[in-house]
Amino acid sequence: MKIKNKILALIYREKDKKIELLALRNNPRDLIHGGDFYYVVTGGVKDGESFNDAITREIKEETGIENIIKIQDIEIIFEYTCAGEQGYLCKEKSYIVRGMAKSKDLVKSI
């Protein structure tokens, strides 16, 4: 079985001695993609790309955030069969990412 590497990033920032987590919101009217729910940044690792580079790219693509302070591998890997891609095993590594987000980005509807 072929392996497809993926990342999952839980993004946070410190503000006023509190920790704020970034939760992205799916478009509630987009029933094809599941309707109304919240999620974290995920994505694939391209050929030749490091996991850290994939995290940085996916965060920028999905949130517009470019100022990443720290990426921490939390050593949790989810393995599952990739939906719609027969013959692939997805290995999704999880990270905690400290970044600087604007207040309005902490709950963002796409």
N, C-alpha and C. Protein backbone atom coordinates (compact mmCIF):
# COMPACT_ATOMS: atom_id res chain seq x y z
N MET A 1 0.85 -1.18 0.00
CA MET A 1 0.00 0.00 0.00
C MET A 1 0.90 1.24 0.00
N LYS A 2 0.56 2.21 -0.82
CA LYS A 2 1.31 3.47 -0.88
C LYS A 2 0.95 4.35 0.31
N ILE A 3 1.92 5.16 0.73
CA ILE A 3 1.71 6.05 1.88
C ILE A 3 1.60 7.49 1.41
N LYS A 4 0.62 8.19 1.94
CA LYS A 4 0.44 9.61 1.67
C LYS A 4 0.62 10.35 2.99
N ASN A 5 1.66 11.19 3.07
CA ASN A 5 1.93 11.95 4.30
C ASN A 5 1.06 13.19 4.37
N LYS A 6 0.52 13.43 5.57
CA LYS A 6 -0.34 14.58 5.81
C LYS A 6 0.04 15.24 7.13
N ILE A 7 -0.44 16.46 7.32
CA ILE A 7 -0.20 17.19 8.57
C ILE A 7 -1.53 17.65 9.16
N LEU A 8 -1.54 17.81 10.48
CA LEU A 8 -2.65 18.41 11.21
C LEU A 8 -2.01 19.42 12.15
N ALA A 9 -2.48 20.66 12.10
CA ALA A 9 -1.88 21.73 12.91
C ALA A 9 -2.92 22.41 13.79
N LEU A 10 -2.71 22.32 15.08
CA LEU A 10 -3.52 23.05 16.05
C LEU A 10 -2.77 24.35 16.34
N ILE A 11 -3.34 25.46 15.92
CA ILE A 11 -2.66 26.75 15.98
C ILE A 11 -3.16 27.55 17.19
N TYR A 12 -2.22 28.15 17.90
CA TYR A 12 -2.59 28.97 19.05
C TYR A 12 -1.73 30.23 19.09
N ARG A 13 -2.20 31.17 19.89
CA ARG A 13 -1.40 32.36 20.19
C ARG A 13 -1.63 32.72 21.64
N GLU A 14 -0.68 33.44 22.20
CA GLU A 14 -0.82 33.96 23.55
C GLU A 14 -1.19 35.43 23.46
N LYS A 15 -2.24 35.80 24.20
CA LYS A 15 -2.69 37.19 24.19
C LYS A 15 -3.25 37.52 25.56
N ASP A 16 -2.74 38.59 26.15
CA ASP A 16 -3.22 39.03 27.47
C ASP A 16 -3.19 37.89 28.50
N LYS A 17 -2.09 37.15 28.50
CA LYS A 17 -1.86 36.03 29.43
C LYS A 17 -2.89 34.91 29.27
N LYS A 18 -3.51 34.83 28.10
CA LYS A 18 -4.44 33.75 27.78
C LYS A 18 -3.98 33.08 26.49
N ILE A 19 -4.42 31.84 26.31
CA ILE A 19 -4.13 31.12 25.08
C ILE A 19 -5.40 31.07 24.25
N GLU A 20 -5.30 31.48 22.99
CA GLU A 20 -6.43 31.44 22.06
C GLU A 20 -6.11 30.41 20.97
N LEU A 21 -7.09 29.56 20.68
CA LEU A 21 -6.94 28.55 19.64
C LEU A 21 -7.65 29.00 18.37
N LEU A 22 -7.07 28.64 17.24
CA LEU A 22 -7.67 28.97 15.95
C LEU A 22 -8.60 27.84 15.52
N ALA A 23 -9.86 28.15 15.29
CA ALA A 23 -10.84 27.21 14.76
C ALA A 23 -11.38 27.77 13.46
N LEU A 24 -11.23 27.02 12.38
CA LEU A 24 -11.78 27.44 11.09
C LEU A 24 -13.20 26.92 10.98
N ARG A 25 -14.05 27.69 10.32
CA ARG A 25 -15.46 27.29 10.18
C ARG A 25 -15.78 27.02 8.72
N ASN A 26 -16.35 25.86 8.47
CA ASN A 26 -16.81 25.52 7.14
C ASN A 26 -18.03 26.39 6.80
N ASN A 27 -18.23 26.65 5.54
CA ASN A 27 -19.40 27.41 5.10
C ASN A 27 -20.66 26.61 5.43
N PRO A 28 -21.53 27.13 6.30
CA PRO A 28 -22.72 26.38 6.71
C PRO A 28 -23.68 26.06 5.57
N ARG A 29 -23.62 26.82 4.48
CA ARG A 29 -24.50 26.57 3.34
C ARG A 29 -23.90 25.60 2.33
N ASP A 30 -22.65 25.16 2.56
CA ASP A 30 -21.96 24.24 1.64
C ASP A 30 -22.22 22.80 2.07
N LEU A 31 -23.38 22.28 1.70
CA LEU A 31 -23.78 20.95 2.12
C LEU A 31 -22.93 19.85 1.48
N ILE A 32 -22.35 20.11 0.33
CA ILE A 32 -21.49 19.12 -0.33
C ILE A 32 -20.28 18.80 0.54
N HIS A 33 -19.76 19.80 1.23
CA HIS A 33 -18.58 19.60 2.08
C HIS A 33 -18.94 19.43 3.56
N GLY A 34 -20.17 19.10 3.86
CA GLY A 34 -20.53 18.75 5.23
C GLY A 34 -21.30 19.78 6.02
N GLY A 35 -21.56 20.95 5.44
CA GLY A 35 -22.34 21.94 6.17
C GLY A 35 -21.55 22.66 7.24
N ASP A 36 -22.20 22.95 8.35
CA ASP A 36 -21.65 23.81 9.40
C ASP A 36 -20.84 23.01 10.42
N PHE A 37 -19.53 23.21 10.43
CA PHE A 37 -18.67 22.59 11.44
C PHE A 37 -17.36 23.36 11.53
N TYR A 38 -16.63 23.14 12.60
CA TYR A 38 -15.33 23.78 12.83
C TYR A 38 -14.23 22.74 12.65
N TYR A 39 -13.05 23.20 12.25
CA TYR A 39 -11.94 22.28 12.01
C TYR A 39 -10.61 23.01 12.18
N VAL A 40 -9.54 22.22 12.18
CA VAL A 40 -8.18 22.78 12.26
C VAL A 40 -7.52 22.59 10.90
N VAL A 41 -6.36 23.21 10.74
CA VAL A 41 -5.63 23.13 9.47
C VAL A 41 -5.09 21.72 9.26
N THR A 42 -5.37 21.17 8.09
CA THR A 42 -4.82 19.88 7.68
C THR A 42 -4.41 19.99 6.22
N GLY A 43 -3.62 19.03 5.77
CA GLY A 43 -3.25 19.05 4.36
C GLY A 43 -2.17 18.02 4.06
N GLY A 44 -1.87 17.92 2.78
CA GLY A 44 -0.89 16.94 2.32
C GLY A 44 0.52 17.51 2.26
N VAL A 45 1.48 16.59 2.34
CA VAL A 45 2.89 16.94 2.19
C VAL A 45 3.26 16.62 0.75
N LYS A 46 3.72 17.61 0.00
CA LYS A 46 4.09 17.42 -1.39
C LYS A 46 5.42 16.68 -1.50
N ASP A 47 5.65 16.03 -2.64
CA ASP A 47 6.92 15.33 -2.88
C ASP A 47 8.08 16.29 -2.71
N GLY A 48 9.08 15.89 -1.94
CA GLY A 48 10.26 16.71 -1.72
C GLY A 48 10.10 17.80 -0.68
N GLU A 49 8.92 17.92 -0.10
CA GLU A 49 8.63 18.97 0.88
C GLU A 49 8.81 18.40 2.30
N SER A 50 9.38 19.19 3.20
CA SER A 50 9.49 18.76 4.59
C SER A 50 8.14 18.94 5.28
N PHE A 51 7.96 18.27 6.42
CA PHE A 51 6.72 18.43 7.17
C PHE A 51 6.56 19.88 7.63
N ASN A 52 7.65 20.50 8.10
CA ASN A 52 7.56 21.90 8.54
C ASN A 52 7.19 22.83 7.39
N ASP A 53 7.75 22.59 6.21
CA ASP A 53 7.39 23.41 5.05
C ASP A 53 5.92 23.21 4.68
N ALA A 54 5.43 21.97 4.79
CA ALA A 54 4.02 21.69 4.48
C ALA A 54 3.10 22.40 5.47
N ILE A 55 3.49 22.40 6.75
CA ILE A 55 2.69 23.09 7.77
C ILE A 55 2.62 24.58 7.45
N THR A 56 3.77 25.18 7.18
CA THR A 56 3.82 26.61 6.88
C THR A 56 2.97 26.94 5.66
N ARG A 57 3.08 26.13 4.62
CA ARG A 57 2.32 26.36 3.39
C ARG A 57 0.82 26.21 3.63
N GLU A 58 0.42 25.12 4.29
CA GLU A 58 -1.01 24.88 4.52
C GLU A 58 -1.63 25.96 5.42
N ILE A 59 -0.91 26.40 6.43
CA ILE A 59 -1.43 27.46 7.30
C ILE A 59 -1.64 28.74 6.49
N LYS A 60 -0.68 29.07 5.65
CA LYS A 60 -0.82 30.28 4.83
C LYS A 60 -1.99 30.13 3.85
N GLU A 61 -2.10 28.97 3.20
CA GLU A 61 -3.18 28.75 2.22
C GLU A 61 -4.56 28.80 2.87
N GLU A 62 -4.70 28.18 4.04
CA GLU A 62 -6.02 28.05 4.66
C GLU A 62 -6.41 29.22 5.56
N THR A 63 -5.42 29.98 6.05
CA THR A 63 -5.74 31.06 7.00
C THR A 63 -5.18 32.42 6.60
N GLY A 64 -4.15 32.44 5.77
CA GLY A 64 -3.46 33.69 5.45
C GLY A 64 -2.40 34.07 6.47
N ILE A 65 -2.26 33.28 7.54
CA ILE A 65 -1.27 33.57 8.58
C ILE A 65 0.12 33.22 8.07
N GLU A 66 1.03 34.18 8.17
CA GLU A 66 2.40 33.96 7.73
C GLU A 66 3.40 34.00 8.88
N ASN A 67 3.01 34.61 10.00
CA ASN A 67 3.93 34.79 11.12
C ASN A 67 3.82 33.60 12.08
N ILE A 68 4.66 32.58 11.84
CA ILE A 68 4.69 31.39 12.68
C ILE A 68 5.90 31.48 13.58
N ILE A 69 5.68 31.35 14.88
CA ILE A 69 6.75 31.48 15.85
C ILE A 69 7.41 30.15 16.15
N LYS A 70 6.61 29.09 16.31
CA LYS A 70 7.17 27.80 16.68
C LYS A 70 6.28 26.68 16.18
N ILE A 71 6.90 25.60 15.68
CA ILE A 71 6.20 24.39 15.27
C ILE A 71 6.69 23.26 16.18
N GLN A 72 5.76 22.61 16.88
CA GLN A 72 6.13 21.55 17.82
C GLN A 72 5.45 20.24 17.41
N ASP A 73 6.23 19.22 17.08
CA ASP A 73 5.70 17.89 16.78
C ASP A 73 5.24 17.27 18.09
N ILE A 74 3.98 16.87 18.18
CA ILE A 74 3.49 16.27 19.43
C ILE A 74 3.50 14.74 19.35
N GLU A 75 4.11 14.22 18.31
CA GLU A 75 4.37 12.78 18.16
C GLU A 75 3.11 11.93 18.22
N ILE A 76 2.05 12.44 17.61
CA ILE A 76 0.82 11.66 17.43
C ILE A 76 0.63 11.50 15.93
N ILE A 77 0.48 10.27 15.49
CA ILE A 77 0.27 9.99 14.06
C ILE A 77 -1.04 9.21 13.91
N PHE A 78 -1.93 9.75 13.09
CA PHE A 78 -3.16 9.06 12.75
C PHE A 78 -2.94 8.32 11.44
N GLU A 79 -3.32 7.06 11.39
CA GLU A 79 -3.24 6.28 10.16
C GLU A 79 -4.64 5.87 9.75
N TYR A 80 -4.97 6.10 8.47
CA TYR A 80 -6.29 5.76 7.98
C TYR A 80 -6.24 5.59 6.47
N THR A 81 -7.22 4.89 5.93
CA THR A 81 -7.33 4.73 4.49
C THR A 81 -7.82 6.04 3.90
N CYS A 82 -7.10 6.53 2.90
CA CYS A 82 -7.46 7.81 2.29
C CYS A 82 -8.78 7.69 1.53
N ALA A 83 -9.73 8.54 1.88
CA ALA A 83 -11.04 8.54 1.22
C ALA A 83 -10.88 8.90 -0.25
N GLY A 84 -11.49 8.11 -1.12
CA GLY A 84 -11.47 8.40 -2.55
C GLY A 84 -10.15 8.08 -3.23
N GLU A 85 -9.20 7.50 -2.52
CA GLU A 85 -7.90 7.17 -3.11
C GLU A 85 -7.54 5.74 -2.72
N GLN A 86 -8.05 4.80 -3.47
CA GLN A 86 -7.81 3.40 -3.16
C GLN A 86 -6.32 3.09 -3.25
N GLY A 87 -5.86 2.24 -2.34
CA GLY A 87 -4.47 1.83 -2.35
C GLY A 87 -3.53 2.74 -1.59
N TYR A 88 -4.08 3.79 -0.96
CA TYR A 88 -3.25 4.72 -0.19
C TYR A 88 -3.57 4.64 1.30
N LEU A 89 -2.52 4.66 2.10
CA LEU A 89 -2.63 4.77 3.54
C LEU A 89 -2.18 6.18 3.90
N CYS A 90 -3.06 6.94 4.56
CA CYS A 90 -2.70 8.29 5.00
C CYS A 90 -2.04 8.20 6.37
N LYS A 91 -0.92 8.88 6.52
CA LYS A 91 -0.24 9.02 7.80
C LYS A 91 -0.22 10.51 8.11
N GLU A 92 -1.02 10.91 9.09
CA GLU A 92 -1.19 12.32 9.42
C GLU A 92 -0.50 12.63 10.74
N LYS A 93 0.60 13.40 10.65
CA LYS A 93 1.36 13.79 11.84
C LYS A 93 0.74 15.05 12.43
N SER A 94 0.68 15.09 13.76
CA SER A 94 0.03 16.21 14.45
C SER A 94 1.07 17.15 15.06
N TYR A 95 0.76 18.44 14.99
CA TYR A 95 1.66 19.48 15.48
C TYR A 95 0.86 20.54 16.24
N ILE A 96 1.54 21.19 17.17
CA ILE A 96 1.02 22.39 17.80
C ILE A 96 1.86 23.54 17.26
N VAL A 97 1.20 24.58 16.80
CA VAL A 97 1.89 25.69 16.15
C VAL A 97 1.55 26.98 16.87
N ARG A 98 2.60 27.69 17.28
CA ARG A 98 2.39 29.02 17.87
C ARG A 98 2.54 30.04 16.76
N GLY A 99 1.50 30.82 16.57
CA GLY A 99 1.51 31.82 15.51
C GLY A 99 0.85 33.10 15.96
N MET A 100 0.95 34.08 15.12
CA MET A 100 0.32 35.36 15.40
C MET A 100 -0.85 35.52 14.43
N ALA A 101 -2.04 35.48 14.97
CA ALA A 101 -3.25 35.67 14.16
C ALA A 101 -3.93 36.94 14.59
N LYS A 102 -4.58 37.58 13.66
CA LYS A 102 -5.41 38.74 14.01
C LYS A 102 -6.62 38.23 14.78
N SER A 103 -7.17 39.05 15.65
CA SER A 103 -8.31 38.63 16.47
C SER A 103 -9.45 38.10 15.62
N LYS A 104 -9.75 38.73 14.51
CA LYS A 104 -10.88 38.28 13.68
C LYS A 104 -10.60 36.94 13.04
N ASP A 105 -9.32 36.51 12.99
CA ASP A 105 -8.98 35.22 12.39
C ASP A 105 -9.23 34.06 13.34
N LEU A 106 -9.47 34.31 14.61
CA LEU A 106 -9.58 33.21 15.55
C LEU A 106 -10.82 32.36 15.32
N VAL A 107 -11.85 32.91 14.74
CA VAL A 107 -12.93 32.10 14.19
C VAL A 107 -13.18 32.68 12.80
N LYS A 108 -12.79 31.90 11.81
CA LYS A 108 -12.83 32.39 10.44
C LYS A 108 -13.77 31.53 9.61
N SER A 109 -14.68 32.14 8.92
CA SER A 109 -15.60 31.41 8.07
C SER A 109 -15.08 31.43 6.64
N ILE A 110 -15.02 30.24 6.04
CA ILE A 110 -14.56 30.18 4.63
C ILE A 110 -15.64 29.65 3.73
